Amino acid sequence: MSLFSIWQNALIRVTRRAHKPALGLPLLILLGACSGSPPDNLGVRDGRLAPCPDSPNCVSSQASDSDHQIDPLPLKGNQSQTQALLVQMLGNEPRVRLVQQDAHYLRAEFSSQVVRFVDDVEFLIGEQAVDVRSASRLGYADFGVNRQRIEHLRQQLSEQP
C-alpha cells in the first residue's frame, strides 16, 4: 500500500459519520468563543453612552469624530411609543437578542450569520431623538457593518406609520 493510500484511508476513517460529532464539538466551542463577553462600559453613565474605542468597529451618535459619528434616530411619537417600536423592530430582526430594557434605554446583541461574532447595540431614547451606539466586541475593523446596521434600523423606523 502506498503512503498516499494510507493517508487517504486515515482521512476517510477520521471523517466518517461516527466521528463527525466528535469533530463538531471543538468547532462549536471555537465558534462560541467568538462572541466574547460584554464590555464593562455598556449602559448609560451621566446621561451618555460609552465612547467608541479608537478602532473603526464602532459608531455612535454621541461621537464627535467623523469616523465614529452617526446621526441619532428620530423619535416616532413620544419616548414610550418609540421604545415600543424599537423593541418590536429588534424582535423581527434575525440573530438579535434584547438583553436589557429599562426606562428610555435598550441594549441588544446582534450575532453575525456565519461566525457568530457579537456586536452590542445600545439605544438611549431622549426627548428629541434616540442616541445610538453599535460596536463590535472583537476584532479591529467591521467593514462598515455597525454603520449599515444603524442605517438599516433608521430606514425601518422611517417606514413605520
C-alpha atoms as a PDB file:
ATOM      1  CA  MET A   1       0.000   0.000   0.000  1.00  0.00           C
ATOM      2  CA  SER A   2       1.361   3.419  -0.923  1.00  0.00           C
ATOM      3  CA  LEU A   3       1.827   6.262   1.533  1.00  0.00           C
ATOM      4  CA  PHE A   4      -0.894   8.191  -0.300  1.00  0.00           C
ATOM      5  CA  SER A   5      -3.368   5.319   0.177  1.00  0.00           C
ATOM      6  CA  ILE A   6      -2.571   5.114   3.881  1.00  0.00           C
ATOM      7  CA  TRP A   7      -3.243   8.856   4.300  1.00  0.00           C
ATOM      8  CA  GLN A   8      -6.402   8.623   2.220  1.00  0.00           C
ATOM      9  CA  ASN A   9      -7.746   5.715   4.302  1.00  0.00           C
ATOM     10  CA  ALA A  10      -6.888   7.531   7.524  1.00  0.00           C
ATOM     11  CA  LEU A  11      -8.714  10.637   6.309  1.00  0.00           C
ATOM     12  CA  ILE A  12     -11.766   8.578   5.379  1.00  0.00           C
ATOM     13  CA  ARG A  13     -11.797   6.937   8.806  1.00  0.00           C
ATOM     14  CA  VAL A  14     -11.496  10.260  10.633  1.00  0.00           C
ATOM     15  CA  THR A  15     -14.290  11.899   8.680  1.00  0.00           C
ATOM     16  CA  ARG A  16     -16.754   9.013   8.860  1.00  0.00           C
ATOM     17  CA  ARG A  17     -20.198   9.742  10.188  1.00  0.00           C
ATOM     18  CA  ALA A  18     -19.373   8.197  13.558  1.00  0.00           C
ATOM     19  CA  HIS A  19     -16.540  10.675  14.119  1.00  0.00           C
ATOM     20  CA  LYS A  20     -18.358  13.824  12.976  1.00  0.00           C
ATOM     21  CA  PRO A  21     -19.954  14.621  16.357  1.00  0.00           C
ATOM     22  CA  ALA A  22     -16.515  14.462  17.949  1.00  0.00           C
ATOM     23  CA  LEU A  23     -15.189  16.879  15.321  1.00  0.00           C
ATOM     24  CA  GLY A  24     -18.188  19.204  15.688  1.00  0.00           C
ATOM     25  CA  LEU A  25     -17.790  19.818  19.419  1.00  0.00           C
ATOM     26  CA  PRO A  26     -14.412  21.576  19.202  1.00  0.00           C
ATOM     27  CA  LEU A  27     -15.731  23.612  16.270  1.00  0.00           C
ATOM     28  CA  LEU A  28     -18.778  24.722  18.291  1.00  0.00           C
ATOM     29  CA  ILE A  29     -16.582  25.659  21.229  1.00  0.00           C
ATOM     30  CA  LEU A  30     -14.300  27.651  18.937  1.00  0.00           C
ATOM     31  CA  LEU A  31     -17.230  29.482  17.328  1.00  0.00           C
ATOM     32  CA  GLY A  32     -18.792  30.154  20.732  1.00  0.00           C
ATOM     33  CA  ALA A  33     -15.582  31.845  21.805  1.00  0.00           C
ATOM     34  CA  CYS A  34     -16.106  34.392  19.020  1.00  0.00           C
ATOM     35  CA  SER A  35     -18.936  36.019  20.931  1.00  0.00           C
ATOM     36  CA  GLY A  36     -16.715  37.347  23.710  1.00  0.00           C
ATOM     37  CA  SER A  37     -18.221  38.805  26.840  1.00  0.00           C
ATOM     38  CA  PRO A  38     -19.933  42.195  27.042  1.00  0.00           C
ATOM     39  CA  PRO A  39     -17.627  45.113  27.841  1.00  0.00           C
ATOM     40  CA  ASP A  40     -17.894  46.649  31.305  1.00  0.00           C
ATOM     41  CA  ASN A  41     -18.569  50.130  29.944  1.00  0.00           C
ATOM     42  CA  LEU A  42     -22.006  49.457  28.412  1.00  0.00           C
ATOM     43  CA  GLY A  43     -25.030  51.349  29.672  1.00  0.00           C
ATOM     44  CA  VAL A  44     -25.767  54.970  30.477  1.00  0.00           C
ATOM     45  CA  ARG A  45     -23.388  56.975  32.642  1.00  0.00           C
ATOM     46  CA  ASP A  46     -24.075  60.639  33.329  1.00  0.00           C
ATOM     47  CA  GLY A  47     -26.683  60.652  30.562  1.00  0.00           C
ATOM     48  CA  ARG A  48     -24.262  59.361  27.932  1.00  0.00           C
ATOM     49  CA  LEU A  49     -23.431  56.104  26.201  1.00  0.00           C
ATOM     50  CA  ALA A  50     -19.858  54.816  26.306  1.00  0.00           C
ATOM     51  CA  PRO A  51     -17.470  56.472  23.858  1.00  0.00           C
ATOM     52  CA  CYS A  52     -16.260  54.448  20.887  1.00  0.00           C
ATOM     53  CA  PRO A  53     -12.764  52.962  21.096  1.00  0.00           C
ATOM     54  CA  ASP A  54     -10.075  54.140  18.675  1.00  0.00           C
ATOM     55  CA  SER A  55     -10.730  51.153  16.405  1.00  0.00           C
ATOM     56  CA  PRO A  56     -13.041  51.623  13.388  1.00  0.00           C
ATOM     57  CA  ASN A  57     -15.551  48.978  14.515  1.00  0.00           C
ATOM     58  CA  CYS A  58     -17.955  51.297  16.344  1.00  0.00           C
ATOM     59  CA  VAL A  59     -20.432  54.066  15.542  1.00  0.00           C
ATOM     60  CA  SER A  60     -22.175  56.387  17.976  1.00  0.00           C
ATOM     61  CA  SER A  61     -24.488  59.349  17.663  1.00  0.00           C
ATOM     62  CA  GLN A  62     -22.642  60.898  20.611  1.00  0.00           C
ATOM     63  CA  ALA A  63     -19.198  60.620  18.977  1.00  0.00           C
ATOM     64  CA  SER A  64     -17.506  63.856  17.958  1.00  0.00           C
ATOM     65  CA  ASP A  65     -15.124  62.463  15.310  1.00  0.00           C
ATOM     66  CA  SER A  66     -16.361  61.781  11.777  1.00  0.00           C
ATOM     67  CA  ASP A  67     -15.079  58.176  11.704  1.00  0.00           C
ATOM     68  CA  HIS A  68     -17.395  57.113  14.523  1.00  0.00           C
ATOM     69  CA  GLN A  69     -20.186  59.690  14.310  1.00  0.00           C
ATOM     70  CA  ILE A  70     -23.645  58.721  13.043  1.00  0.00           C
ATOM     71  CA  ASP A  71     -26.889  60.690  13.244  1.00  0.00           C
ATOM     72  CA  PRO A  72     -29.297  59.795  16.056  1.00  0.00           C
ATOM     73  CA  LEU A  73     -32.532  58.037  15.170  1.00  0.00           C
ATOM     74  CA  PRO A  74     -35.686  60.176  15.083  1.00  0.00           C
ATOM     75  CA  LEU A  75     -38.481  59.713  17.590  1.00  0.00           C
ATOM     76  CA  LYS A  76     -41.670  58.102  16.336  1.00  0.00           C
ATOM     77  CA  GLY A  77     -44.325  59.601  18.577  1.00  0.00           C
ATOM     78  CA  ASN A  78     -43.231  60.012  22.185  1.00  0.00           C
ATOM     79  CA  GLN A  79     -40.416  58.233  24.046  1.00  0.00           C
ATOM     80  CA  SER A  80     -42.573  55.278  25.124  1.00  0.00           C
ATOM     81  CA  GLN A  81     -44.001  54.765  21.648  1.00  0.00           C
ATOM     82  CA  THR A  82     -40.539  54.914  20.115  1.00  0.00           C
ATOM     83  CA  GLN A  83     -39.171  52.417  22.636  1.00  0.00           C
ATOM     84  CA  ALA A  84     -42.049  50.001  21.971  1.00  0.00           C
ATOM     85  CA  LEU A  85     -41.478  50.333  18.232  1.00  0.00           C
ATOM     86  CA  LEU A  86     -37.732  49.673  18.602  1.00  0.00           C
ATOM     87  CA  VAL A  87     -38.442  46.573  20.727  1.00  0.00           C
ATOM     88  CA  GLN A  88     -40.818  45.309  18.042  1.00  0.00           C
ATOM     89  CA  MET A  89     -38.298  46.010  15.261  1.00  0.00           C
ATOM     90  CA  LEU A  90     -35.497  44.249  17.136  1.00  0.00           C
ATOM     91  CA  GLY A  91     -37.772  41.255  17.692  1.00  0.00           C
ATOM     92  CA  ASN A  92     -38.239  40.957  13.930  1.00  0.00           C
ATOM     93  CA  GLU A  93     -34.512  41.051  13.142  1.00  0.00           C
ATOM     94  CA  PRO A  94     -32.658  37.736  12.701  1.00  0.00           C
ATOM     95  CA  ARG A  95     -29.986  36.771  15.239  1.00  0.00           C
ATOM     96  CA  VAL A  96     -30.862  39.591  17.667  1.00  0.00           C
ATOM     97  CA  ARG A  97     -31.325  39.198  21.390  1.00  0.00           C
ATOM     98  CA  LEU A  98     -32.710  42.018  23.527  1.00  0.00           C
ATOM     99  CA  VAL A  99     -30.675  41.763  26.735  1.00  0.00           C
ATOM    100  CA  GLN A 100     -31.650  44.900  28.636  1.00  0.00           C
ATOM    101  CA  GLN A 101     -34.717  47.096  28.635  1.00  0.00           C
ATOM    102  CA  ASP A 102     -35.027  49.964  31.101  1.00  0.00           C
ATOM    103  CA  ALA A 103     -36.836  53.287  31.047  1.00  0.00           C
ATOM    104  CA  HIS A 104     -35.580  55.000  27.879  1.00  0.00           C
ATOM    105  CA  TYR A 105     -32.709  52.504  27.335  1.00  0.00           C
ATOM    106  CA  LEU A 106     -32.343  49.319  25.278  1.00  0.00           C
ATOM    107  CA  ARG A 107     -29.370  47.049  24.698  1.00  0.00           C
ATOM    108  CA  ALA A 108     -29.353  44.278  22.120  1.00  0.00           C
ATOM    109  CA  GLU A 109     -26.808  41.747  20.919  1.00  0.00           C
ATOM    110  CA  PHE A 110     -26.560  41.161  17.167  1.00  0.00           C
ATOM    111  CA  SER A 111     -24.791  37.955  16.038  1.00  0.00           C
ATOM    112  CA  SER A 112     -23.184  37.590  12.624  1.00  0.00           C
ATOM    113  CA  GLN A 113     -24.571  34.850  10.422  1.00  0.00           C
ATOM    114  CA  VAL A 114     -21.570  32.596   9.887  1.00  0.00           C
ATOM    115  CA  VAL A 115     -19.028  33.008  12.682  1.00  0.00           C
ATOM    116  CA  ARG A 116     -21.478  34.382  15.296  1.00  0.00           C
ATOM    117  CA  PHE A 117     -19.413  37.442  16.189  1.00  0.00           C
ATOM    118  CA  VAL A 118     -21.441  39.597  18.598  1.00  0.00           C
ATOM    119  CA  ASP A 119     -21.993  43.333  18.325  1.00  0.00           C
ATOM    120  CA  ASP A 120     -23.534  45.350  21.153  1.00  0.00           C
ATOM    121  CA  VAL A 121     -26.155  47.905  20.119  1.00  0.00           C
ATOM    122  CA  GLU A 122     -27.494  50.475  22.566  1.00  0.00           C
ATOM    123  CA  PHE A 123     -30.377  52.925  22.313  1.00  0.00           C
ATOM    124  CA  LEU A 124     -30.826  55.904  24.642  1.00  0.00           C
ATOM    125  CA  ILE A 125     -34.282  57.323  23.979  1.00  0.00           C
ATOM    126  CA  GLY A 126     -34.251  61.029  24.707  1.00  0.00           C
ATOM    127  CA  GLU A 127     -36.867  63.762  24.436  1.00  0.00           C
ATOM    128  CA  GLN A 128     -35.690  64.880  20.987  1.00  0.00           C
ATOM    129  CA  ALA A 129     -34.090  61.777  19.396  1.00  0.00           C
ATOM    130  CA  VAL A 130     -32.676  58.303  20.023  1.00  0.00           C
ATOM    131  CA  ASP A 131     -28.931  58.222  20.635  1.00  0.00           C
ATOM    132  CA  VAL A 132     -27.386  55.001  19.339  1.00  0.00           C
ATOM    133  CA  ARG A 133     -24.129  53.126  19.739  1.00  0.00           C
ATOM    134  CA  SER A 134     -23.200  49.971  17.832  1.00  0.00           C
ATOM    135  CA  ALA A 135     -19.840  48.316  18.490  1.00  0.00           C
ATOM    136  CA  SER A 136     -18.142  45.017  17.736  1.00  0.00           C
ATOM    137  CA  ARG A 137     -16.899  43.074  20.749  1.00  0.00           C
ATOM    138  CA  LEU A 138     -13.959  41.506  18.973  1.00  0.00           C
ATOM    139  CA  GLY A 139     -11.646  42.449  16.165  1.00  0.00           C
ATOM    140  CA  TYR A 140     -10.424  45.737  14.837  1.00  0.00           C
ATOM    141  CA  ALA A 141     -12.390  46.508  11.680  1.00  0.00           C
ATOM    142  CA  ASP A 142     -16.029  45.716  10.988  1.00  0.00           C
ATOM    143  CA  PHE A 143     -16.127  46.610   7.267  1.00  0.00           C
ATOM    144  CA  GLY A 144     -18.924  49.114   7.954  1.00  0.00           C
ATOM    145  CA  VAL A 145     -21.331  46.562   9.426  1.00  0.00           C
ATOM    146  CA  ASN A 146     -22.205  48.650  12.502  1.00  0.00           C
ATOM    147  CA  ARG A 147     -22.925  51.761  10.416  1.00  0.00           C
ATOM    148  CA  GLN A 148     -25.022  49.717   7.957  1.00  0.00           C
ATOM    149  CA  ARG A 149     -26.979  48.195  10.835  1.00  0.00           C
ATOM    150  CA  ILE A 150     -27.953  51.579  12.269  1.00  0.00           C
ATOM    151  CA  GLU A 151     -28.866  52.913   8.817  1.00  0.00           C
ATOM    152  CA  HIS A 152     -30.994  49.786   8.237  1.00  0.00           C
ATOM    153  CA  LEU A 153     -32.816  50.431  11.527  1.00  0.00           C
ATOM    154  CA  ARG A 154     -33.224  54.110  10.559  1.00  0.00           C
ATOM    155  CA  GLN A 155     -34.826  53.037   7.265  1.00  0.00           C
ATOM    156  CA  GLN A 156     -37.172  50.618   9.043  1.00  0.00           C
ATOM    157  CA  LEU A 157     -38.130  53.285  11.574  1.00  0.00           C
ATOM    158  CA  SER A 158     -38.924  55.783   8.819  1.00  0.00           C
ATOM    159  CA  GLU A 159     -41.262  53.266   7.168  1.00  0.00           C
ATOM    160  CA  GLN A 160     -43.348  52.922  10.334  1.00  0.00           C
ATOM    161  CA  PRO A 161     -46.641  54.894  10.423  1.00  0.00           C
END
